[in-house]
Amino acid sequence: MNISYDDRLEVLGLATAAFVAIVALGTLVGQPWATAEGTAPALVQTVGLLLSFLVAAVIVLVTQGYDLADLRAMRE
């Protein structure tokens, strides 16, 4: 299998998305909500974790050349 990247920044974008996803997975495995004093901090940490995965997915989609407006139109 021969994968060719025309734009070298595409590799950097994919590496950045992978890094964000790995950090989010590390946060999930570390269970940050276990050290929270209450429900509100745990909820904020969980929402932040989910948003991290969303950011990684958006970076991959933009790097691969998808237009975010087209993605929104597909959802409707």
N, C-alpha and C. Protein backbone atom coordinates (compact mmCIF):
# COMPACT_ATOMS: atom_id res chain seq x y z
N MET A 1 0.85 -1.17 0.00
CA MET A 1 0.00 0.00 0.00
C MET A 1 0.89 1.23 0.00
N ASN A 2 0.71 2.07 -0.98
CA ASN A 2 1.53 3.27 -1.13
C ASN A 2 0.66 4.48 -0.83
N ILE A 3 0.95 5.17 0.27
CA ILE A 3 0.22 6.37 0.64
C ILE A 3 1.09 7.57 0.34
N SER A 4 0.58 8.46 -0.47
CA SER A 4 1.33 9.64 -0.86
C SER A 4 0.60 10.89 -0.37
N TYR A 5 1.34 11.79 0.25
CA TYR A 5 0.77 13.05 0.72
C TYR A 5 1.33 14.17 -0.14
N ASP A 6 0.44 14.87 -0.83
CA ASP A 6 0.86 15.98 -1.67
C ASP A 6 1.29 17.17 -0.83
N ASP A 7 0.63 17.36 0.28
CA ASP A 7 0.90 18.49 1.16
C ASP A 7 1.54 17.96 2.44
N ARG A 8 2.71 18.45 2.77
CA ARG A 8 3.40 17.96 3.97
C ARG A 8 2.70 18.40 5.25
N LEU A 9 1.91 19.46 5.18
CA LEU A 9 1.18 19.90 6.35
C LEU A 9 0.03 18.94 6.69
N GLU A 10 -0.36 18.12 5.72
CA GLU A 10 -1.39 17.13 5.98
C GLU A 10 -0.90 16.13 7.03
N VAL A 11 0.35 15.74 6.93
CA VAL A 11 0.93 14.82 7.91
C VAL A 11 0.97 15.48 9.29
N LEU A 12 1.32 16.76 9.33
CA LEU A 12 1.34 17.48 10.60
C LEU A 12 -0.06 17.59 11.20
N GLY A 13 -1.06 17.80 10.37
CA GLY A 13 -2.44 17.87 10.86
C GLY A 13 -2.89 16.54 11.43
N LEU A 14 -2.56 15.45 10.75
CA LEU A 14 -2.93 14.13 11.25
C LEU A 14 -2.18 13.80 12.55
N ALA A 15 -0.93 14.19 12.63
CA ALA A 15 -0.15 13.96 13.85
C ALA A 15 -0.72 14.77 15.01
N THR A 16 -1.16 15.99 14.74
CA THR A 16 -1.76 16.82 15.78
C THR A 16 -3.07 16.21 16.27
N ALA A 17 -3.89 15.73 15.34
CA ALA A 17 -5.15 15.09 15.73
C ALA A 17 -4.89 13.83 16.55
N ALA A 18 -3.88 13.07 16.16
CA ALA A 18 -3.54 11.86 16.93
C ALA A 18 -3.08 12.23 18.33
N PHE A 19 -2.29 13.30 18.45
CA PHE A 19 -1.82 13.73 19.76
C PHE A 19 -2.98 14.15 20.65
N VAL A 20 -3.91 14.92 20.09
CA VAL A 20 -5.08 15.36 20.87
C VAL A 20 -5.90 14.15 21.32
N ALA A 21 -6.08 13.18 20.42
CA ALA A 21 -6.85 11.99 20.78
C ALA A 21 -6.13 11.16 21.85
N ILE A 22 -4.82 11.05 21.77
CA ILE A 22 -4.05 10.30 22.76
C ILE A 22 -4.11 10.98 24.12
N VAL A 23 -4.02 12.31 24.13
CA VAL A 23 -4.13 13.04 25.40
C VAL A 23 -5.53 12.85 25.99
N ALA A 24 -6.56 12.87 25.15
CA ALA A 24 -7.92 12.65 25.65
C ALA A 24 -8.08 11.24 26.20
N LEU A 25 -7.50 10.26 25.51
CA LEU A 25 -7.55 8.89 26.02
C LEU A 25 -6.80 8.76 27.35
N GLY A 26 -5.66 9.41 27.45
CA GLY A 26 -4.92 9.41 28.71
C GLY A 26 -5.71 10.03 29.84
N THR A 27 -6.43 11.08 29.53
CA THR A 27 -7.28 11.71 30.53
C THR A 27 -8.41 10.78 30.94
N LEU A 28 -8.98 10.08 29.98
CA LEU A 28 -10.05 9.14 30.27
C LEU A 28 -9.55 7.99 31.15
N VAL A 29 -8.39 7.46 30.83
CA VAL A 29 -7.83 6.36 31.61
C VAL A 29 -7.45 6.82 33.02
N GLY A 30 -7.00 8.07 33.13
CA GLY A 30 -6.62 8.60 34.43
C GLY A 30 -7.79 8.92 35.34
N GLN A 31 -9.00 8.86 34.82
CA GLN A 31 -10.23 9.13 35.56
C GLN A 31 -10.15 10.42 36.38
N PRO A 32 -10.11 11.57 35.71
CA PRO A 32 -9.98 12.83 36.45
C PRO A 32 -11.17 13.11 37.36
N TRP A 33 -12.32 12.53 37.07
CA TRP A 33 -13.50 12.78 37.90
C TRP A 33 -13.40 12.07 39.26
N ALA A 34 -12.45 11.14 39.38
CA ALA A 34 -12.30 10.44 40.66
C ALA A 34 -11.72 11.35 41.74
N THR A 35 -11.01 12.40 41.33
CA THR A 35 -10.40 13.31 42.30
C THR A 35 -11.21 14.58 42.49
N ALA A 36 -12.33 14.70 41.78
CA ALA A 36 -13.15 15.91 41.88
C ALA A 36 -13.89 15.93 43.22
N GLU A 37 -14.02 17.12 43.77
CA GLU A 37 -14.70 17.28 45.06
C GLU A 37 -16.22 17.20 44.95
N GLY A 38 -16.74 17.48 43.76
CA GLY A 38 -18.19 17.49 43.61
C GLY A 38 -18.59 17.04 42.22
N THR A 39 -19.88 17.18 41.96
CA THR A 39 -20.42 16.76 40.67
C THR A 39 -20.08 17.74 39.56
N ALA A 40 -20.12 19.04 39.85
CA ALA A 40 -19.89 20.05 38.81
C ALA A 40 -18.49 19.94 38.20
N PRO A 41 -17.41 19.84 38.98
CA PRO A 41 -16.09 19.68 38.36
C PRO A 41 -15.97 18.40 37.54
N ALA A 42 -16.57 17.33 38.02
CA ALA A 42 -16.51 16.08 37.27
C ALA A 42 -17.25 16.21 35.94
N LEU A 43 -18.38 16.92 35.96
CA LEU A 43 -19.13 17.13 34.73
C LEU A 43 -18.35 17.99 33.74
N VAL A 44 -17.70 19.03 34.24
CA VAL A 44 -16.89 19.89 33.37
C VAL A 44 -15.73 19.10 32.77
N GLN A 45 -15.10 18.26 33.56
CA GLN A 45 -13.99 17.45 33.06
C GLN A 45 -14.47 16.46 32.01
N THR A 46 -15.62 15.88 32.20
CA THR A 46 -16.16 14.93 31.24
C THR A 46 -16.54 15.62 29.93
N VAL A 47 -17.15 16.78 30.02
CA VAL A 47 -17.49 17.55 28.81
C VAL A 47 -16.21 17.97 28.08
N GLY A 48 -15.21 18.38 28.81
CA GLY A 48 -13.93 18.73 28.19
C GLY A 48 -13.29 17.55 27.49
N LEU A 49 -13.42 16.39 28.07
CA LEU A 49 -12.89 15.18 27.46
C LEU A 49 -13.60 14.88 26.14
N LEU A 50 -14.91 14.98 26.14
CA LEU A 50 -15.67 14.75 24.91
C LEU A 50 -15.36 15.80 23.84
N LEU A 51 -15.19 17.04 24.26
CA LEU A 51 -14.84 18.09 23.31
C LEU A 51 -13.45 17.87 22.72
N SER A 52 -12.54 17.29 23.49
CA SER A 52 -11.21 16.98 22.97
C SER A 52 -11.29 15.98 21.83
N PHE A 53 -12.13 14.95 21.99
CA PHE A 53 -12.32 13.98 20.92
C PHE A 53 -12.97 14.65 19.70
N LEU A 54 -13.89 15.57 19.93
CA LEU A 54 -14.53 16.29 18.82
C LEU A 54 -13.51 17.14 18.07
N VAL A 55 -12.63 17.82 18.80
CA VAL A 55 -11.60 18.64 18.16
C VAL A 55 -10.68 17.76 17.31
N ALA A 56 -10.30 16.61 17.84
CA ALA A 56 -9.44 15.70 17.07
C ALA A 56 -10.14 15.25 15.79
N ALA A 57 -11.42 14.94 15.88
CA ALA A 57 -12.16 14.51 14.69
C ALA A 57 -12.26 15.63 13.66
N VAL A 58 -12.50 16.85 14.11
CA VAL A 58 -12.59 17.99 13.19
C VAL A 58 -11.25 18.25 12.52
N ILE A 59 -10.15 18.13 13.27
CA ILE A 59 -8.82 18.33 12.68
C ILE A 59 -8.58 17.30 11.59
N VAL A 60 -8.96 16.05 11.83
CA VAL A 60 -8.78 15.01 10.80
C VAL A 60 -9.61 15.33 9.57
N LEU A 61 -10.87 15.72 9.78
CA LEU A 61 -11.74 16.01 8.64
C LEU A 61 -11.23 17.19 7.82
N VAL A 62 -10.80 18.23 8.48
CA VAL A 62 -10.28 19.40 7.76
C VAL A 62 -8.97 19.06 7.05
N THR A 63 -8.14 18.27 7.69
CA THR A 63 -6.87 17.88 7.08
C THR A 63 -7.11 17.03 5.84
N GLN A 64 -8.12 16.19 5.87
CA GLN A 64 -8.42 15.34 4.73
C GLN A 64 -9.14 16.08 3.61
N GLY A 65 -9.48 17.34 3.83
CA GLY A 65 -10.05 18.14 2.76
C GLY A 65 -11.55 18.27 2.78
N TYR A 66 -12.20 17.82 3.83
CA TYR A 66 -13.64 17.97 3.92
C TYR A 66 -13.97 19.42 4.29
N ASP A 67 -15.05 19.92 3.71
CA ASP A 67 -15.52 21.26 4.05
C ASP A 67 -16.55 21.12 5.16
N LEU A 68 -16.36 21.85 6.24
CA LEU A 68 -17.25 21.74 7.39
C LEU A 68 -18.68 22.14 7.06
N ALA A 69 -18.86 23.05 6.11
CA ALA A 69 -20.21 23.44 5.70
C ALA A 69 -20.91 22.27 5.00
N ASP A 70 -20.17 21.50 4.22
CA ASP A 70 -20.74 20.32 3.58
C ASP A 70 -21.14 19.28 4.61
N LEU A 71 -20.34 19.13 5.65
CA LEU A 71 -20.65 18.16 6.69
C LEU A 71 -21.93 18.55 7.43
N ARG A 72 -22.10 19.85 7.68
CA ARG A 72 -23.31 20.31 8.34
C ARG A 72 -24.53 20.08 7.45
N ALA A 73 -24.37 20.27 6.14
CA ALA A 73 -25.47 20.05 5.20
C ALA A 73 -25.84 18.58 5.13
N MET A 74 -24.86 17.68 5.28
CA MET A 74 -25.14 16.25 5.25
C MET A 74 -25.96 15.83 6.46
N ARG A 75 -25.77 16.51 7.57
CA ARG A 75 -26.46 16.17 8.80
C ARG A 75 -27.95 16.52 8.72
N GLU A 76 -28.29 17.51 7.92
CA GLU A 76 -29.69 17.96 7.83
C GLU A 76 -30.50 17.14 6.88
